[in-house]
């Protein structure tokens, strides 16, 4: 990592894309461990803000890891930026609680659109906002398993054509390499 990343956007797969429907799934531990390892590298190189959305899966887990790391790195800040007002309001109660708890611990919470969901343009505007307000992205993403994150990758690559913007991915191989037997116990 040659440049200093002060504001990092973290995203990736949604939990349903990985077949994870329970926060106690052992794969969550592995993903969080990989995110924590990478975040520590960024923190040692000047990271100040983690910016993420509220999607169930990698975004929620990134927020949770950031909150955990604040004990060791109290200067670290978490921004929860949602695509629109009332994001997550149609989720089941347990998932809404996950989002609400994380928002309560974040240093900054807002939405790009101050209206409830109206159309897909709100997601495009959200992505553009996140790219313009961060120095780079860390995505849990593997090209062999594209999922919805492929659209974010495409937006980042297009943004990189005109802007100096850093992108790092955590692939399935990276996740397998961060797994150890203790994670499954």
N, C-alpha and C. Protein backbone atom coordinates (compact mmCIF):
# COMPACT_ATOMS: atom_id res chain seq x y z
N UNK A 1 0.86 -1.17 0.00
CA UNK A 1 0.00 0.00 0.00
C UNK A 1 0.90 1.23 0.00
N UNK A 2 1.07 1.84 -1.15
CA UNK A 2 1.99 2.96 -1.30
C UNK A 2 1.43 4.27 -0.75
N UNK A 3 0.15 4.48 -0.92
CA UNK A 3 -0.44 5.74 -0.50
C UNK A 3 -1.16 5.60 0.84
N UNK A 4 -1.34 6.72 1.50
CA UNK A 4 -2.04 6.71 2.79
C UNK A 4 -3.54 6.78 2.53
N UNK A 5 -4.25 5.86 3.10
CA UNK A 5 -5.70 5.81 3.00
C UNK A 5 -6.25 6.29 4.33
N UNK A 6 -6.84 7.47 4.35
CA UNK A 6 -7.41 8.01 5.58
C UNK A 6 -8.88 7.64 5.73
N UNK A 7 -9.59 7.51 4.60
CA UNK A 7 -11.01 7.16 4.61
C UNK A 7 -11.20 5.94 3.71
N UNK A 8 -11.61 4.84 4.31
CA UNK A 8 -11.72 3.57 3.61
C UNK A 8 -13.18 3.12 3.55
N UNK A 9 -13.64 2.82 2.35
CA UNK A 9 -14.99 2.29 2.13
C UNK A 9 -14.89 0.77 2.14
N UNK A 10 -15.66 0.13 3.01
CA UNK A 10 -15.64 -1.33 3.08
C UNK A 10 -17.02 -1.86 2.69
N UNK A 11 -17.00 -2.83 1.80
CA UNK A 11 -18.23 -3.47 1.34
C UNK A 11 -17.90 -4.88 0.91
N UNK A 12 -18.82 -5.50 0.24
CA UNK A 12 -18.62 -6.87 -0.25
C UNK A 12 -19.95 -7.59 -0.31
N UNK A 13 -19.85 -8.89 -0.22
CA UNK A 13 -21.04 -9.72 -0.36
C UNK A 13 -22.06 -9.46 0.74
N UNK A 14 -23.31 -9.59 0.36
CA UNK A 14 -24.38 -9.59 1.35
C UNK A 14 -24.48 -11.02 1.90
N UNK A 15 -24.95 -11.14 3.11
CA UNK A 15 -24.94 -12.45 3.78
C UNK A 15 -25.69 -13.52 2.98
N UNK A 16 -26.82 -13.17 2.38
CA UNK A 16 -27.58 -14.18 1.63
C UNK A 16 -26.81 -14.70 0.42
N UNK A 17 -25.91 -13.86 -0.15
CA UNK A 17 -25.12 -14.30 -1.30
C UNK A 17 -24.12 -15.39 -0.91
N UNK A 18 -23.77 -15.41 0.37
CA UNK A 18 -22.82 -16.42 0.86
C UNK A 18 -23.54 -17.55 1.58
N UNK A 19 -24.87 -17.51 1.59
CA UNK A 19 -25.64 -18.54 2.28
C UNK A 19 -25.50 -18.46 3.79
N UNK A 20 -25.23 -17.25 4.29
CA UNK A 20 -25.11 -17.05 5.73
C UNK A 20 -26.38 -16.36 6.23
N UNK A 21 -27.11 -17.06 7.09
CA UNK A 21 -28.38 -16.54 7.57
C UNK A 21 -28.42 -16.41 9.09
N UNK A 22 -27.24 -16.55 9.70
CA UNK A 22 -27.16 -16.53 11.15
C UNK A 22 -25.82 -15.91 11.54
N UNK A 23 -25.84 -14.98 12.47
CA UNK A 23 -24.60 -14.31 12.89
C UNK A 23 -23.64 -15.27 13.59
N UNK A 24 -24.13 -16.44 13.99
CA UNK A 24 -23.28 -17.42 14.66
C UNK A 24 -22.62 -18.38 13.67
N UNK A 25 -22.87 -18.20 12.38
CA UNK A 25 -22.25 -19.04 11.35
C UNK A 25 -20.73 -18.90 11.48
N UNK A 26 -19.98 -20.01 11.50
CA UNK A 26 -18.52 -19.93 11.67
C UNK A 26 -17.82 -19.14 10.57
N UNK A 27 -18.44 -19.01 9.41
CA UNK A 27 -17.82 -18.23 8.32
C UNK A 27 -17.77 -16.74 8.67
N UNK A 28 -18.69 -16.29 9.52
CA UNK A 28 -18.68 -14.89 9.94
C UNK A 28 -17.39 -14.59 10.70
N UNK A 29 -16.98 -15.52 11.56
CA UNK A 29 -15.73 -15.35 12.32
C UNK A 29 -14.55 -15.22 11.37
N UNK A 30 -14.52 -16.04 10.34
CA UNK A 30 -13.41 -16.02 9.37
C UNK A 30 -13.38 -14.69 8.62
N UNK A 31 -14.54 -14.24 8.17
CA UNK A 31 -14.62 -12.98 7.42
C UNK A 31 -14.20 -11.81 8.31
N UNK A 32 -14.69 -11.79 9.54
CA UNK A 32 -14.34 -10.71 10.47
C UNK A 32 -12.84 -10.73 10.79
N UNK A 33 -12.28 -11.92 10.91
CA UNK A 33 -10.84 -12.04 11.18
C UNK A 33 -10.03 -11.46 10.02
N UNK A 34 -10.45 -11.76 8.79
CA UNK A 34 -9.75 -11.22 7.61
C UNK A 34 -9.90 -9.70 7.54
N UNK A 35 -11.10 -9.20 7.82
CA UNK A 35 -11.32 -7.75 7.82
C UNK A 35 -10.46 -7.07 8.89
N UNK A 36 -10.41 -7.67 10.07
CA UNK A 36 -9.63 -7.09 11.16
C UNK A 36 -8.14 -7.03 10.79
N UNK A 37 -7.64 -8.11 10.22
CA UNK A 37 -6.23 -8.15 9.81
C UNK A 37 -5.92 -7.02 8.82
N UNK A 38 -6.78 -6.87 7.83
CA UNK A 38 -6.54 -5.83 6.81
C UNK A 38 -6.70 -4.44 7.41
N UNK A 39 -7.70 -4.25 8.26
CA UNK A 39 -7.90 -2.94 8.88
C UNK A 39 -6.71 -2.54 9.74
N UNK A 40 -6.12 -3.49 10.43
CA UNK A 40 -4.93 -3.18 11.24
C UNK A 40 -3.79 -2.67 10.36
N UNK A 41 -3.64 -3.26 9.18
CA UNK A 41 -2.62 -2.77 8.23
C UNK A 41 -2.89 -1.33 7.84
N UNK A 42 -4.14 -1.03 7.54
CA UNK A 42 -4.51 0.34 7.18
C UNK A 42 -4.30 1.28 8.35
N UNK A 43 -4.65 0.84 9.55
CA UNK A 43 -4.49 1.69 10.74
C UNK A 43 -3.02 2.01 11.00
N UNK A 44 -2.14 1.06 10.76
CA UNK A 44 -0.71 1.29 10.94
C UNK A 44 -0.17 2.28 9.90
N UNK A 45 -0.96 2.52 8.87
CA UNK A 45 -0.55 3.43 7.79
C UNK A 45 -1.42 4.68 7.70
N UNK A 46 -2.10 5.05 8.80
CA UNK A 46 -2.78 6.33 8.83
C UNK A 46 -4.29 6.35 8.66
N UNK A 47 -4.94 5.19 8.63
CA UNK A 47 -6.40 5.16 8.49
C UNK A 47 -7.05 5.90 9.64
N UNK A 48 -8.05 6.75 9.31
CA UNK A 48 -8.80 7.49 10.31
C UNK A 48 -10.28 7.10 10.35
N UNK A 49 -10.86 6.88 9.18
CA UNK A 49 -12.30 6.61 9.08
C UNK A 49 -12.56 5.33 8.29
N UNK A 50 -13.44 4.49 8.80
CA UNK A 50 -14.03 3.41 8.03
C UNK A 50 -15.44 3.89 7.67
N UNK A 51 -15.75 3.84 6.39
CA UNK A 51 -17.08 4.21 5.91
C UNK A 51 -17.72 2.97 5.31
N UNK A 52 -18.92 2.70 5.74
CA UNK A 52 -19.62 1.54 5.22
C UNK A 52 -21.11 1.82 5.22
N UNK A 53 -21.83 0.97 4.54
CA UNK A 53 -23.29 1.09 4.52
C UNK A 53 -23.88 0.18 5.58
N UNK A 54 -25.08 -0.22 5.38
CA UNK A 54 -25.74 -1.05 6.37
C UNK A 54 -26.20 -2.38 5.83
N UNK A 55 -25.70 -2.78 4.67
CA UNK A 55 -26.14 -4.06 4.11
C UNK A 55 -25.77 -5.20 5.05
N UNK A 56 -26.68 -6.14 5.18
CA UNK A 56 -26.41 -7.35 5.96
C UNK A 56 -25.28 -8.10 5.27
N UNK A 57 -24.33 -8.51 6.04
CA UNK A 57 -23.18 -9.21 5.48
C UNK A 57 -21.93 -8.40 5.74
N UNK A 58 -21.10 -8.27 4.73
CA UNK A 58 -19.77 -7.68 4.90
C UNK A 58 -19.80 -6.26 5.45
N UNK A 59 -20.81 -5.47 5.11
CA UNK A 59 -20.86 -4.09 5.61
C UNK A 59 -21.14 -4.06 7.11
N UNK A 60 -22.10 -4.85 7.57
CA UNK A 60 -22.39 -4.91 9.00
C UNK A 60 -21.17 -5.48 9.74
N UNK A 61 -20.58 -6.54 9.21
CA UNK A 61 -19.42 -7.15 9.88
C UNK A 61 -18.25 -6.19 9.92
N UNK A 62 -18.05 -5.41 8.85
CA UNK A 62 -16.97 -4.42 8.85
C UNK A 62 -17.22 -3.37 9.94
N UNK A 63 -18.46 -2.96 10.10
CA UNK A 63 -18.79 -2.01 11.15
C UNK A 63 -18.52 -2.59 12.53
N UNK A 64 -18.90 -3.84 12.73
CA UNK A 64 -18.68 -4.50 14.02
C UNK A 64 -17.19 -4.62 14.32
N UNK A 65 -16.40 -4.98 13.31
CA UNK A 65 -14.95 -5.10 13.49
C UNK A 65 -14.36 -3.73 13.82
N UNK A 66 -14.83 -2.70 13.15
CA UNK A 66 -14.34 -1.34 13.41
C UNK A 66 -14.61 -0.95 14.86
N UNK A 67 -15.80 -1.24 15.35
CA UNK A 67 -16.13 -0.94 16.75
C UNK A 67 -15.19 -1.70 17.69
N UNK A 68 -14.92 -2.97 17.39
CA UNK A 68 -13.98 -3.75 18.21
C UNK A 68 -12.60 -3.12 18.20
N UNK A 69 -12.14 -2.68 17.04
CA UNK A 69 -10.79 -2.12 16.91
C UNK A 69 -10.64 -0.76 17.61
N UNK A 70 -11.76 -0.08 17.84
CA UNK A 70 -11.70 1.23 18.51
C UNK A 70 -11.13 1.10 19.93
N UNK A 71 -11.22 -0.08 20.54
CA UNK A 71 -10.64 -0.27 21.87
C UNK A 71 -9.12 -0.17 21.80
N UNK A 72 -8.55 -0.72 20.75
CA UNK A 72 -7.09 -0.68 20.56
C UNK A 72 -6.64 0.59 19.84
N UNK A 73 -7.52 1.12 18.98
CA UNK A 73 -7.21 2.32 18.19
C UNK A 73 -8.33 3.34 18.42
N UNK A 74 -8.31 4.04 19.56
CA UNK A 74 -9.43 4.93 19.89
C UNK A 74 -9.61 6.09 18.90
N UNK A 75 -8.61 6.38 18.10
CA UNK A 75 -8.73 7.46 17.12
C UNK A 75 -9.53 7.04 15.89
N UNK A 76 -9.76 5.74 15.71
CA UNK A 76 -10.52 5.23 14.57
C UNK A 76 -11.98 5.63 14.68
N UNK A 77 -12.57 6.03 13.56
CA UNK A 77 -13.96 6.45 13.54
C UNK A 77 -14.73 5.62 12.51
N UNK A 78 -16.01 5.41 12.82
CA UNK A 78 -16.90 4.66 11.93
C UNK A 78 -18.00 5.57 11.42
N UNK A 79 -18.15 5.63 10.11
CA UNK A 79 -19.26 6.35 9.47
C UNK A 79 -20.17 5.31 8.82
N UNK A 80 -21.43 5.35 9.22
CA UNK A 80 -22.46 4.51 8.61
C UNK A 80 -23.24 5.41 7.65
N UNK A 81 -23.07 5.19 6.38
CA UNK A 81 -23.75 5.99 5.37
C UNK A 81 -24.68 5.06 4.60
N UNK A 82 -25.95 5.34 4.67
CA UNK A 82 -26.96 4.50 4.04
C UNK A 82 -27.41 5.11 2.72
N UNK A 83 -27.90 4.31 1.80
CA UNK A 83 -28.31 4.85 0.50
C UNK A 83 -29.53 5.76 0.57
N UNK A 84 -30.45 5.46 1.49
CA UNK A 84 -31.69 6.25 1.58
C UNK A 84 -32.26 6.14 2.99
N UNK A 85 -33.18 7.04 3.32
CA UNK A 85 -33.87 7.02 4.61
C UNK A 85 -34.68 5.73 4.73
N UNK A 86 -34.83 5.26 5.95
CA UNK A 86 -35.60 4.06 6.25
C UNK A 86 -34.98 2.79 5.69
N UNK A 87 -33.68 2.85 5.34
CA UNK A 87 -32.97 1.67 4.85
C UNK A 87 -33.06 0.58 5.92
N UNK A 88 -33.43 -0.62 5.52
CA UNK A 88 -33.53 -1.75 6.44
C UNK A 88 -34.85 -1.86 7.17
N UNK A 89 -35.76 -0.93 6.94
CA UNK A 89 -37.01 -0.92 7.70
C UNK A 89 -37.92 -2.12 7.38
N UNK A 90 -37.68 -2.79 6.27
CA UNK A 90 -38.50 -3.94 5.90
C UNK A 90 -37.86 -5.27 6.30
N UNK A 91 -36.70 -5.21 6.95
CA UNK A 91 -36.02 -6.42 7.40
C UNK A 91 -36.74 -7.00 8.61
N UNK A 92 -36.41 -8.26 8.91
CA UNK A 92 -36.98 -8.85 10.13
C UNK A 92 -36.38 -8.16 11.35
N UNK A 93 -37.02 -8.39 12.49
CA UNK A 93 -36.67 -7.67 13.71
C UNK A 93 -35.20 -7.87 14.11
N UNK A 94 -34.69 -9.10 14.01
CA UNK A 94 -33.31 -9.38 14.40
C UNK A 94 -32.32 -8.60 13.53
N UNK A 95 -32.58 -8.54 12.23
CA UNK A 95 -31.68 -7.82 11.33
C UNK A 95 -31.77 -6.31 11.53
N UNK A 96 -32.98 -5.82 11.79
CA UNK A 96 -33.13 -4.39 12.09
C UNK A 96 -32.35 -4.03 13.35
N UNK A 97 -32.38 -4.93 14.33
CA UNK A 97 -31.66 -4.70 15.58
C UNK A 97 -30.15 -4.63 15.34
N UNK A 98 -29.62 -5.51 14.48
CA UNK A 98 -28.19 -5.47 14.13
C UNK A 98 -27.81 -4.09 13.59
N UNK A 99 -28.62 -3.60 12.65
CA UNK A 99 -28.36 -2.30 12.03
C UNK A 99 -28.47 -1.17 13.06
N UNK A 100 -29.51 -1.20 13.86
CA UNK A 100 -29.74 -0.14 14.86
C UNK A 100 -28.62 -0.11 15.89
N UNK A 101 -28.18 -1.29 16.35
CA UNK A 101 -27.09 -1.35 17.34
C UNK A 101 -25.82 -0.75 16.76
N UNK A 102 -25.51 -1.10 15.52
CA UNK A 102 -24.30 -0.58 14.89
C UNK A 102 -24.38 0.93 14.69
N UNK A 103 -25.53 1.42 14.27
CA UNK A 103 -25.71 2.86 14.10
C UNK A 103 -25.53 3.59 15.42
N UNK A 104 -25.97 2.97 16.51
CA UNK A 104 -25.83 3.58 17.83
C UNK A 104 -24.39 3.70 18.29
N UNK A 105 -23.51 2.87 17.75
CA UNK A 105 -22.09 2.90 18.13
C UNK A 105 -21.23 3.67 17.14
N UNK A 106 -21.79 4.02 15.99
CA UNK A 106 -21.03 4.72 14.95
C UNK A 106 -20.78 6.17 15.35
N UNK A 107 -19.73 6.75 14.80
CA UNK A 107 -19.39 8.15 15.06
C UNK A 107 -20.18 9.10 14.18
N UNK A 108 -20.66 8.59 13.06
CA UNK A 108 -21.42 9.42 12.11
C UNK A 108 -22.42 8.51 11.42
N UNK A 109 -23.68 8.94 11.34
CA UNK A 109 -24.72 8.18 10.65
C UNK A 109 -25.55 9.16 9.83
N UNK A 110 -25.74 8.83 8.56
CA UNK A 110 -26.59 9.64 7.69
C UNK A 110 -26.96 8.80 6.48
N UNK A 111 -27.81 9.33 5.64
CA UNK A 111 -28.14 8.67 4.38
C UNK A 111 -27.86 9.65 3.25
N UNK A 112 -27.49 9.11 2.10
CA UNK A 112 -27.20 9.96 0.94
C UNK A 112 -28.49 10.61 0.45
N UNK A 113 -29.54 9.82 0.32
CA UNK A 113 -30.84 10.36 -0.06
C UNK A 113 -31.66 10.51 1.22
N UNK A 114 -32.26 11.67 1.39
CA UNK A 114 -33.08 11.90 2.58
C UNK A 114 -34.56 11.62 2.31
N UNK A 115 -34.79 10.64 1.43
CA UNK A 115 -36.13 10.15 1.11
C UNK A 115 -36.12 8.64 1.22
N UNK A 116 -37.26 8.02 1.51
CA UNK A 116 -37.32 6.55 1.46
C UNK A 116 -37.01 6.07 0.04
N UNK A 117 -36.85 4.77 -0.12
CA UNK A 117 -36.52 4.21 -1.43
C UNK A 117 -37.54 4.65 -2.48
N UNK A 118 -37.02 5.16 -3.60
CA UNK A 118 -37.87 5.56 -4.71
C UNK A 118 -37.51 4.85 -5.99
N UNK A 119 -36.20 4.74 -6.29
CA UNK A 119 -35.77 4.08 -7.52
C UNK A 119 -34.28 3.73 -7.45
N UNK A 120 -33.81 2.93 -8.40
CA UNK A 120 -32.42 2.47 -8.38
C UNK A 120 -31.37 3.58 -8.50
N UNK A 121 -31.76 4.75 -8.95
CA UNK A 121 -30.80 5.86 -9.06
C UNK A 121 -30.22 6.19 -7.68
N UNK A 122 -30.99 5.95 -6.63
CA UNK A 122 -30.49 6.20 -5.27
C UNK A 122 -29.26 5.34 -4.98
N UNK A 123 -29.22 4.12 -5.49
CA UNK A 123 -28.05 3.27 -5.28
C UNK A 123 -26.85 3.77 -6.08
N UNK A 124 -27.09 4.22 -7.29
CA UNK A 124 -25.99 4.77 -8.10
C UNK A 124 -25.44 6.03 -7.44
N UNK A 125 -26.33 6.91 -6.96
CA UNK A 125 -25.89 8.12 -6.26
C UNK A 125 -25.12 7.78 -4.99
N UNK A 126 -25.57 6.74 -4.29
CA UNK A 126 -24.90 6.29 -3.08
C UNK A 126 -23.46 5.84 -3.40
N UNK A 127 -23.32 5.01 -4.41
CA UNK A 127 -21.98 4.52 -4.79
C UNK A 127 -21.09 5.69 -5.17
N UNK A 128 -21.59 6.61 -5.96
CA UNK A 128 -20.81 7.78 -6.36
C UNK A 128 -20.38 8.59 -5.13
N UNK A 129 -21.28 8.79 -4.20
CA UNK A 129 -20.97 9.51 -2.97
C UNK A 129 -19.85 8.82 -2.21
N UNK A 130 -19.96 7.51 -2.04
CA UNK A 130 -18.96 6.77 -1.27
C UNK A 130 -17.59 6.84 -1.94
N UNK A 131 -17.54 6.76 -3.25
CA UNK A 131 -16.26 6.84 -3.95
C UNK A 131 -15.65 8.23 -3.83
N UNK A 132 -16.48 9.25 -3.95
CA UNK A 132 -15.99 10.62 -3.87
C UNK A 132 -15.53 11.02 -2.47
N UNK A 133 -16.01 10.31 -1.45
CA UNK A 133 -15.69 10.69 -0.07
C UNK A 133 -14.76 9.71 0.63
N UNK A 134 -14.13 8.83 -0.15
CA UNK A 134 -13.14 7.91 0.41
C UNK A 134 -11.91 7.91 -0.49
N UNK A 135 -10.81 7.39 0.07
CA UNK A 135 -9.55 7.31 -0.67
C UNK A 135 -9.35 5.94 -1.31
N UNK A 136 -10.12 4.98 -0.87
CA UNK A 136 -9.99 3.62 -1.38
C UNK A 136 -11.07 2.73 -0.83
N UNK A 137 -11.13 1.52 -1.40
CA UNK A 137 -12.13 0.54 -0.98
C UNK A 137 -11.46 -0.79 -0.65
N UNK A 138 -12.02 -1.44 0.34
CA UNK A 138 -11.66 -2.81 0.71
C UNK A 138 -12.94 -3.62 0.54
N UNK A 139 -12.91 -4.58 -0.38
CA UNK A 139 -14.11 -5.36 -0.68
C UNK A 139 -13.85 -6.84 -0.48
N UNK A 140 -14.78 -7.51 0.18
CA UNK A 140 -14.76 -8.97 0.20
C UNK A 140 -15.40 -9.38 -1.13
N UNK A 141 -14.54 -9.83 -2.05
CA UNK A 141 -15.00 -10.07 -3.41
C UNK A 141 -14.06 -11.02 -4.13
N UNK A 142 -14.63 -11.92 -4.89
CA UNK A 142 -13.86 -12.86 -5.70
C UNK A 142 -14.50 -12.90 -7.08
N UNK A 143 -13.72 -12.64 -8.11
CA UNK A 143 -14.25 -12.58 -9.48
C UNK A 143 -14.91 -13.89 -9.90
N UNK A 144 -14.53 -15.00 -9.29
CA UNK A 144 -15.15 -16.29 -9.63
C UNK A 144 -16.57 -16.40 -9.07
N UNK A 145 -16.90 -15.55 -8.10
CA UNK A 145 -18.22 -15.55 -7.47
C UNK A 145 -18.72 -14.10 -7.44
N UNK A 146 -19.10 -13.54 -8.60
CA UNK A 146 -19.32 -12.09 -8.70
C UNK A 146 -20.41 -11.51 -7.80
N UNK A 147 -21.59 -12.10 -7.74
CA UNK A 147 -22.66 -11.53 -6.91
C UNK A 147 -22.93 -10.07 -7.24
N UNK A 148 -23.65 -9.41 -6.35
CA UNK A 148 -24.00 -8.00 -6.56
C UNK A 148 -22.78 -7.08 -6.47
N UNK A 149 -21.74 -7.53 -5.81
CA UNK A 149 -20.54 -6.70 -5.65
C UNK A 149 -19.88 -6.42 -6.99
N UNK A 150 -20.16 -7.22 -8.01
CA UNK A 150 -19.58 -6.97 -9.34
C UNK A 150 -19.98 -5.58 -9.86
N UNK A 151 -21.17 -5.11 -9.48
CA UNK A 151 -21.60 -3.77 -9.91
C UNK A 151 -20.77 -2.68 -9.23
N UNK A 152 -20.43 -2.90 -7.97
CA UNK A 152 -19.57 -1.95 -7.25
C UNK A 152 -18.17 -1.96 -7.85
N UNK A 153 -17.64 -3.14 -8.14
CA UNK A 153 -16.31 -3.25 -8.77
C UNK A 153 -16.31 -2.48 -10.08
N UNK A 154 -17.33 -2.65 -10.88
CA UNK A 154 -17.44 -1.95 -12.17
C UNK A 154 -17.44 -0.43 -11.96
N UNK A 155 -18.19 0.04 -10.97
CA UNK A 155 -18.23 1.48 -10.68
C UNK A 155 -16.87 1.99 -10.23
N UNK A 156 -16.18 1.21 -9.42
CA UNK A 156 -14.86 1.61 -8.95
C UNK A 156 -13.88 1.68 -10.11
N UNK A 157 -13.90 0.67 -10.98
CA UNK A 157 -12.99 0.66 -12.13
C UNK A 157 -13.24 1.86 -13.04
N UNK A 158 -14.49 2.21 -13.24
CA UNK A 158 -14.83 3.39 -14.04
C UNK A 158 -14.34 4.66 -13.35
N UNK A 159 -14.52 4.73 -12.04
CA UNK A 159 -14.08 5.88 -11.25
C UNK A 159 -12.55 6.02 -11.30
N UNK A 160 -11.86 4.88 -11.29
CA UNK A 160 -10.39 4.89 -11.32
C UNK A 160 -9.84 5.44 -12.65
N UNK A 161 -10.63 5.39 -13.70
CA UNK A 161 -10.18 5.92 -14.99
C UNK A 161 -9.92 7.42 -14.91
N UNK A 162 -10.63 8.13 -14.03
CA UNK A 162 -10.51 9.58 -13.91
C UNK A 162 -9.92 10.04 -12.57
N UNK A 163 -9.79 9.10 -11.62
CA UNK A 163 -9.38 9.48 -10.27
C UNK A 163 -8.36 8.51 -9.70
N UNK A 164 -7.51 9.03 -8.81
CA UNK A 164 -6.56 8.20 -8.09
C UNK A 164 -7.34 7.55 -6.95
N UNK A 165 -7.64 6.27 -7.07
CA UNK A 165 -8.47 5.60 -6.09
C UNK A 165 -7.95 4.18 -5.90
N UNK A 166 -7.76 3.79 -4.66
CA UNK A 166 -7.18 2.50 -4.31
C UNK A 166 -8.27 1.44 -4.13
N UNK A 167 -8.02 0.24 -4.61
CA UNK A 167 -8.95 -0.88 -4.45
C UNK A 167 -8.19 -2.11 -4.01
N UNK A 168 -8.67 -2.71 -2.93
CA UNK A 168 -8.15 -3.99 -2.47
C UNK A 168 -9.31 -4.94 -2.28
N UNK A 169 -9.11 -6.19 -2.67
CA UNK A 169 -10.15 -7.20 -2.47
C UNK A 169 -9.63 -8.29 -1.54
N UNK A 170 -10.55 -8.88 -0.82
CA UNK A 170 -10.29 -10.08 -0.03
C UNK A 170 -11.03 -11.19 -0.76
N UNK A 171 -10.29 -12.11 -1.35
CA UNK A 171 -10.87 -13.18 -2.16
C UNK A 171 -11.23 -14.39 -1.29
N UNK A 172 -11.85 -15.36 -1.92
CA UNK A 172 -12.18 -16.61 -1.21
C UNK A 172 -10.89 -17.29 -0.75
N UNK A 173 -9.84 -17.25 -1.58
CA UNK A 173 -8.55 -17.83 -1.18
C UNK A 173 -8.01 -17.11 0.05
N UNK A 174 -8.12 -15.78 0.08
CA UNK A 174 -7.67 -15.02 1.25
C UNK A 174 -8.43 -15.45 2.50
N UNK A 175 -9.73 -15.66 2.35
CA UNK A 175 -10.55 -16.09 3.48
C UNK A 175 -10.13 -17.49 3.95
N UNK A 176 -9.90 -18.38 2.99
CA UNK A 176 -9.46 -19.73 3.36
C UNK A 176 -8.12 -19.68 4.08
N UNK A 177 -7.24 -18.78 3.63
CA UNK A 177 -5.92 -18.67 4.26
C UNK A 177 -5.98 -18.05 5.65
N UNK A 178 -7.06 -17.34 5.96
CA UNK A 178 -7.16 -16.75 7.29
C UNK A 178 -7.94 -17.66 8.24
N UNK A 179 -8.43 -18.78 7.73
CA UNK A 179 -9.18 -19.73 8.55
C UNK A 179 -8.20 -20.62 9.31
N UNK A 180 -8.48 -20.88 10.55
CA UNK A 180 -7.76 -21.93 11.26
C UNK A 180 -8.75 -22.72 12.10
N UNK A 181 -8.33 -23.83 12.58
CA UNK A 181 -9.24 -24.75 13.27
C UNK A 181 -9.96 -24.08 14.42
N UNK A 182 -9.29 -23.18 15.13
CA UNK A 182 -9.89 -22.52 16.29
C UNK A 182 -11.13 -21.71 15.90
N UNK A 183 -11.20 -21.26 14.63
CA UNK A 183 -12.35 -20.48 14.19
C UNK A 183 -13.64 -21.30 14.20
N UNK A 184 -13.51 -22.62 14.06
CA UNK A 184 -14.71 -23.45 13.97
C UNK A 184 -15.17 -23.97 15.32
N UNK A 185 -14.39 -23.71 16.36
CA UNK A 185 -14.73 -24.22 17.68
C UNK A 185 -15.65 -23.27 18.41
